[in-house]
Amino acid sequence: MVTSDPGHEAQSPESSGGGVLAQLRVSNPDITGAALVTADGFPVEADTGPETDEESLAALAADLLARASRSSEEFGNGRLDELYARGDAGYLIVVRAGADQVLACLASSNATVGLLLRDVRHAAARLA
């Protein structure tokens, strides 16, 4: 919370217990869950609902990006930095967030893909 009261020091949302993942979900209500995971599939931080198994999301997101990246390299397109999948009930977006982390986001099926990708990329850059 940022305050203009001279007796209080201004705080960013991160310093007041917010966080990039929580801000991401607030800024784009179509995002139903977000997790920052290590490149080898362990959760670092997550902001998901109770219906999402964070450890499974972490492992699957890291594995998907690694496999897709290997495929991309095999066909001469270089290392893959992001991918998204669309299903009947929504989207899965996976983006590199630095050298050793991956940001995985789940979104509703009525999300606007351009806005979704913009917000996820911005969050990944802040986490890198």
C-alpha atoms as a PDB file:
ATOM      1  CA  MET A   1       0.000   0.000   0.000  1.00  0.00           C
ATOM      2  CA  VAL A   2       1.378   3.418  -0.889  1.00  0.00           C
ATOM      3  CA  THR A   3       0.534   6.168   1.554  1.00  0.00           C
ATOM      4  CA  SER A   4       1.086   9.908   1.569  1.00  0.00           C
ATOM      5  CA  ASP A   5       0.894  10.211   5.365  1.00  0.00           C
ATOM      6  CA  PRO A   6       4.176  11.873   6.437  1.00  0.00           C
ATOM      7  CA  GLY A   7       4.364   9.602   9.480  1.00  0.00           C
ATOM      8  CA  HIS A   8       4.370   6.431   7.368  1.00  0.00           C
ATOM      9  CA  GLU A   9       6.976   5.241   4.936  1.00  0.00           C
ATOM     10  CA  ALA A  10       5.591   4.340   1.515  1.00  0.00           C
ATOM     11  CA  GLN A  11       5.532   0.606   0.835  1.00  0.00           C
ATOM     12  CA  SER A  12       5.293  -1.240  -2.418  1.00  0.00           C
ATOM     13  CA  PRO A  13       2.884  -4.175  -2.591  1.00  0.00           C
ATOM     14  CA  GLU A  14       5.850  -6.572  -2.487  1.00  0.00           C
ATOM     15  CA  SER A  15       7.154  -5.152   0.780  1.00  0.00           C
ATOM     16  CA  SER A  16       3.723  -5.267   2.393  1.00  0.00           C
ATOM     17  CA  GLY A  17       3.265  -8.983   1.782  1.00  0.00           C
ATOM     18  CA  GLY A  18       1.844  -8.690  -1.731  1.00  0.00           C
ATOM     19  CA  GLY A  19       3.999 -10.316  -4.363  1.00  0.00           C
ATOM     20  CA  VAL A  20       4.330 -10.517  -8.091  1.00  0.00           C
ATOM     21  CA  LEU A  21       2.071 -13.568  -8.382  1.00  0.00           C
ATOM     22  CA  ALA A  22      -0.724 -12.035  -6.326  1.00  0.00           C
ATOM     23  CA  GLN A  23      -0.425  -8.788  -8.305  1.00  0.00           C
ATOM     24  CA  LEU A  24      -0.608 -10.767 -11.531  1.00  0.00           C
ATOM     25  CA  ARG A  25      -3.865 -12.400 -10.493  1.00  0.00           C
ATOM     26  CA  VAL A  26      -5.316  -9.079  -9.340  1.00  0.00           C
ATOM     27  CA  SER A  27      -4.314  -7.270 -12.543  1.00  0.00           C
ATOM     28  CA  ASN A  28      -5.796  -9.980 -14.759  1.00  0.00           C
ATOM     29  CA  PRO A  29      -8.839 -11.679 -13.190  1.00  0.00           C
ATOM     30  CA  ASP A  30      -8.851 -14.308 -15.956  1.00  0.00           C
ATOM     31  CA  ILE A  31      -5.711 -15.806 -14.374  1.00  0.00           C
ATOM     32  CA  THR A  32      -6.901 -18.493 -11.987  1.00  0.00           C
ATOM     33  CA  GLY A  33      -3.526 -19.586 -10.682  1.00  0.00           C
ATOM     34  CA  ALA A  34       0.161 -18.785 -10.945  1.00  0.00           C
ATOM     35  CA  ALA A  35       3.282 -20.561  -9.757  1.00  0.00           C
ATOM     36  CA  LEU A  36       6.967 -19.742  -9.885  1.00  0.00           C
ATOM     37  CA  VAL A  37       8.924 -22.977 -10.130  1.00  0.00           C
ATOM     38  CA  THR A  38      12.519 -24.055 -10.511  1.00  0.00           C
ATOM     39  CA  ALA A  39      13.637 -25.262 -13.927  1.00  0.00           C
ATOM     40  CA  ASP A  40      13.728 -28.780 -12.508  1.00  0.00           C
ATOM     41  CA  GLY A  41      10.106 -28.621 -11.330  1.00  0.00           C
ATOM     42  CA  PHE A  42      10.006 -27.620  -7.665  1.00  0.00           C
ATOM     43  CA  PRO A  43       7.596 -24.888  -6.520  1.00  0.00           C
ATOM     44  CA  VAL A  44       9.206 -21.682  -5.254  1.00  0.00           C
ATOM     45  CA  GLU A  45       6.042 -19.626  -4.736  1.00  0.00           C
ATOM     46  CA  ALA A  46       2.437 -20.088  -5.768  1.00  0.00           C
ATOM     47  CA  ASP A  47      -0.839 -18.209  -5.812  1.00  0.00           C
ATOM     48  CA  THR A  48      -3.428 -20.804  -6.751  1.00  0.00           C
ATOM     49  CA  GLY A  49      -6.806 -21.964  -5.589  1.00  0.00           C
ATOM     50  CA  PRO A  50      -7.299 -25.027  -3.393  1.00  0.00           C
ATOM     51  CA  GLU A  51      -8.268 -27.125  -6.426  1.00  0.00           C
ATOM     52  CA  THR A  52      -4.767 -26.785  -7.919  1.00  0.00           C
ATOM     53  CA  ASP A  53      -1.993 -29.132  -6.793  1.00  0.00           C
ATOM     54  CA  GLU A  54       0.973 -26.749  -6.777  1.00  0.00           C
ATOM     55  CA  GLU A  55       3.582 -29.514  -6.860  1.00  0.00           C
ATOM     56  CA  SER A  56       1.977 -31.121  -9.916  1.00  0.00           C
ATOM     57  CA  LEU A  57       1.683 -27.764 -11.670  1.00  0.00           C
ATOM     58  CA  ALA A  58       5.349 -27.064 -10.912  1.00  0.00           C
ATOM     59  CA  ALA A  59       6.601 -30.409 -12.174  1.00  0.00           C
ATOM     60  CA  LEU A  60       4.454 -30.425 -15.302  1.00  0.00           C
ATOM     61  CA  ALA A  61       5.208 -26.812 -16.259  1.00  0.00           C
ATOM     62  CA  ALA A  62       8.970 -27.286 -16.001  1.00  0.00           C
ATOM     63  CA  ASP A  63       8.776 -30.561 -17.919  1.00  0.00           C
ATOM     64  CA  LEU A  64       6.607 -29.074 -20.677  1.00  0.00           C
ATOM     65  CA  LEU A  65       8.959 -26.151 -21.248  1.00  0.00           C
ATOM     66  CA  ALA A  66      12.049 -28.401 -21.191  1.00  0.00           C
ATOM     67  CA  ARG A  67      10.550 -30.873 -23.700  1.00  0.00           C
ATOM     68  CA  ALA A  68       9.221 -28.155 -25.966  1.00  0.00           C
ATOM     69  CA  SER A  69      12.580 -26.380 -25.816  1.00  0.00           C
ATOM     70  CA  ARG A  70      14.417 -29.562 -26.815  1.00  0.00           C
ATOM     71  CA  SER A  71      12.016 -29.974 -29.745  1.00  0.00           C
ATOM     72  CA  SER A  72      12.515 -26.363 -30.780  1.00  0.00           C
ATOM     73  CA  GLU A  73      16.293 -26.773 -30.689  1.00  0.00           C
ATOM     74  CA  GLU A  74      16.064 -30.013 -32.667  1.00  0.00           C
ATOM     75  CA  PHE A  75      14.326 -28.164 -35.502  1.00  0.00           C
ATOM     76  CA  GLY A  76      16.761 -25.253 -35.443  1.00  0.00           C
ATOM     77  CA  ASN A  77      14.554 -22.688 -33.696  1.00  0.00           C
ATOM     78  CA  GLY A  78      16.764 -22.340 -30.622  1.00  0.00           C
ATOM     79  CA  ARG A  79      15.808 -22.440 -26.964  1.00  0.00           C
ATOM     80  CA  LEU A  80      12.123 -21.948 -26.320  1.00  0.00           C
ATOM     81  CA  ASP A  81      11.254 -19.244 -23.804  1.00  0.00           C
ATOM     82  CA  GLU A  82       7.487 -19.623 -23.588  1.00  0.00           C
ATOM     83  CA  LEU A  83       4.569 -21.738 -24.627  1.00  0.00           C
ATOM     84  CA  TYR A  84       0.855 -21.767 -24.179  1.00  0.00           C
ATOM     85  CA  ALA A  85      -1.753 -24.438 -24.482  1.00  0.00           C
ATOM     86  CA  ARG A  86      -5.489 -23.947 -24.867  1.00  0.00           C
ATOM     87  CA  GLY A  87      -8.029 -26.470 -23.689  1.00  0.00           C
ATOM     88  CA  ASP A  88     -11.802 -26.484 -23.418  1.00  0.00           C
ATOM     89  CA  ALA A  89     -11.718 -25.044 -19.913  1.00  0.00           C
ATOM     90  CA  GLY A  90      -8.817 -22.603 -20.224  1.00  0.00           C
ATOM     91  CA  TYR A  91      -5.178 -21.877 -20.886  1.00  0.00           C
ATOM     92  CA  LEU A  92      -1.818 -22.931 -19.524  1.00  0.00           C
ATOM     93  CA  ILE A  93       0.968 -20.403 -20.090  1.00  0.00           C
ATOM     94  CA  VAL A  94       4.564 -21.312 -19.267  1.00  0.00           C
ATOM     95  CA  VAL A  95       7.314 -18.668 -19.497  1.00  0.00           C
ATOM     96  CA  ARG A  96      10.967 -18.656 -18.470  1.00  0.00           C
ATOM     97  CA  ALA A  97      11.553 -16.291 -15.568  1.00  0.00           C
ATOM     98  CA  GLY A  98      15.321 -16.025 -15.473  1.00  0.00           C
ATOM     99  CA  ALA A  99      17.901 -18.732 -16.077  1.00  0.00           C
ATOM    100  CA  ASP A 100      16.641 -21.233 -13.512  1.00  0.00           C
ATOM    101  CA  GLN A 101      12.945 -20.483 -12.988  1.00  0.00           C
ATOM    102  CA  VAL A 102       9.681 -20.906 -14.847  1.00  0.00           C
ATOM    103  CA  LEU A 103       6.401 -19.024 -14.380  1.00  0.00           C
ATOM    104  CA  ALA A 104       3.300 -21.156 -14.954  1.00  0.00           C
ATOM    105  CA  CYS A 105      -0.146 -19.574 -15.173  1.00  0.00           C
ATOM    106  CA  LEU A 106      -3.599 -21.047 -15.519  1.00  0.00           C
ATOM    107  CA  ALA A 107      -6.327 -18.889 -17.059  1.00  0.00           C
ATOM    108  CA  SER A 108     -10.012 -19.169 -17.859  1.00  0.00           C
ATOM    109  CA  SER A 109     -11.207 -20.025 -21.347  1.00  0.00           C
ATOM    110  CA  ASN A 110     -12.649 -16.542 -21.889  1.00  0.00           C
ATOM    111  CA  ALA A 111      -9.290 -14.800 -21.341  1.00  0.00           C
ATOM    112  CA  THR A 112      -8.039 -12.463 -24.042  1.00  0.00           C
ATOM    113  CA  VAL A 113      -4.846 -14.193 -25.177  1.00  0.00           C
ATOM    114  CA  GLY A 114      -2.940 -11.010 -26.054  1.00  0.00           C
ATOM    115  CA  LEU A 115      -3.583  -9.440 -22.654  1.00  0.00           C
ATOM    116  CA  LEU A 116      -2.860 -12.719 -20.919  1.00  0.00           C
ATOM    117  CA  LEU A 117       0.518 -13.110 -22.638  1.00  0.00           C
ATOM    118  CA  ARG A 118       1.416  -9.464 -21.980  1.00  0.00           C
ATOM    119  CA  ASP A 119       0.665  -9.765 -18.267  1.00  0.00           C
ATOM    120  CA  VAL A 120       2.445 -13.095 -17.848  1.00  0.00           C
ATOM    121  CA  ARG A 121       5.533 -11.872 -19.746  1.00  0.00           C
ATOM    122  CA  HIS A 122       5.651  -8.728 -17.619  1.00  0.00           C
ATOM    123  CA  ALA A 123       5.428 -10.779 -14.414  1.00  0.00           C
ATOM    124  CA  ALA A 124       8.127 -13.188 -15.640  1.00  0.00           C
ATOM    125  CA  ALA A 125      10.440 -10.259 -16.350  1.00  0.00           C
ATOM    126  CA  ARG A 126       9.868  -8.900 -12.834  1.00  0.00           C
ATOM    127  CA  LEU A 127      10.623 -12.333 -11.343  1.00  0.00           C
ATOM    128  CA  ALA A 128      13.813 -12.872 -13.379  1.00  0.00           C
END
